[in-house]
Amino acid sequence: MPQPVPRIAVVVVAGGSGTRLGEDVPKAFVGIDAQTMLRHALDGVFRSGLDAQVVVVAPADRTGEALTEALAAAGDARERVSVVSGGETRQKSVAAGLAALWGDIEIVLVHDAARALTPPEVFTRIVDAVERTGWGAVPVLPVVDTIKRVDGDEIVGVVDRSELGAAQTPQGFRRDVLSAAYAVADAEFTDDAALVAAAGHRIAAVAGDALGFKITHPADLERARALLAPSAERPVHLQQPAPAPRVGVGTDVHAFAGDGELWLAGLHWPGEPALSGHSDGDAVAHAVVDAVLAAAGLGDIGTHFGVDRPEYADAHADAFLARTRALVGEAGWVIGNVSVQVQTTRPRFAPRRREAEAALSEALGAPVSVSATTTDGLGFEGRGEGVFAVAVAMLLPAQ
């Protein structure tokens, strides 16, 4: 039975530079503990239980990493995740996220990845407010400090703090209202609620949460790290049962039609015809990559090494396997072992099987066993037209 199409979308903006944090990577990709801000922000989205499309807006050179984080956080909801490149301003980045929404979306939440510890219940609170009022809705905390009006270095007045609130994200809106407001916006606004209000729409205030603070300065980052430390009085994440080992299956096929000589199972085979492919056509290595990524729930080889990634054109097995090991490590997994079988009439694997196992194991950082067989003349493998490989990988939770 087809799954119902979500009515709700969450656009997670992850384009901040991180300059004020003193980091040399974009803010959303700075680690809080073992995970990045983006991963924690996405965990909050998915733990909210909302049946929602999730669009991550990331810097153009970080979309692959953003997708890795999003897929890992999504679990069984991976089909509802996408990543788009952001613009030069936050407003343009949100517009890029809106352009990626599915046609049936009616309510949109816009969330800053820098508010990484926002609890799941804030997301549902915002959706409830939008559905109840038809207005935009913003989580707000009361201002507790005395606010002074300042002119240069002189205090010239006091602001009545009873009328003030500190706005947070996610901020939610009817899709038609938000899209129309963006279409007519002629200035840069500090948040989406201000943009929507400037277009003449009402905004509801709902209760925010102290954990929804924005990580902007080094002190904010230290605060977040302290909250997530094992000794924190109020841990953000409920302790989950230890994950069980996971198994993944991967396959790959390449035809003998490439230029140059053969690369297969991480080895160079002089005098043998090359396999066709975006890289070197190494069906054995590519099957291993697919099996490992599948076990970790991180998509497949096309997700991370597709034809839109020119750095992997003509790359060999060591580049693919090393990056795959890093991806699953970042997702909290250790590769236990991989078994791969190759079906082909050429080359003859028996004399170099141990050598292939050593090359693959070294590149992947885990034991890889290789077996080879023929198909008694059946199929394209039996006719000598190409190579087929199937791999099975087992992952263990990182300690």
Foldseek 3Di string as FASTA:
>chain_A
DDDDDAQEAEEEEQEAQCVQAVDRHGQQQDDLDLAGLLLLQLLQQVVLVGPYQYEYEYAPVCQLVSLLSNLLSNVVNSVSYDYDYADPDSLRSVVRRLVPDDPNHFKYWYAYSQLRLFHNVVVVVQVVVCVVPVFKEWAWAQDDDWDFDDDVPDTDGTDDSVPDTDTFDRIMHTSVLQVVLSVPDDDDDPDSVVSSVVVPTDYHYDHGDPSSDGPRHNVSSVVSSLLCDPPHPHNSDDDDPFDFKFKFKFKFKWWQDDPDFDDELNDTDPPHGFTDDQARRHGQLQRVLQGLCVRSSRHGCCSNPNNVPNVRRNNTSLVSQLVSLVSSVSSQKHWAEKEKEKEAPDDDCVVCQVVSQVSNCVSNVYGYHYHYDYDCLDDCRSVRGIMMMMMMTMIHGHD
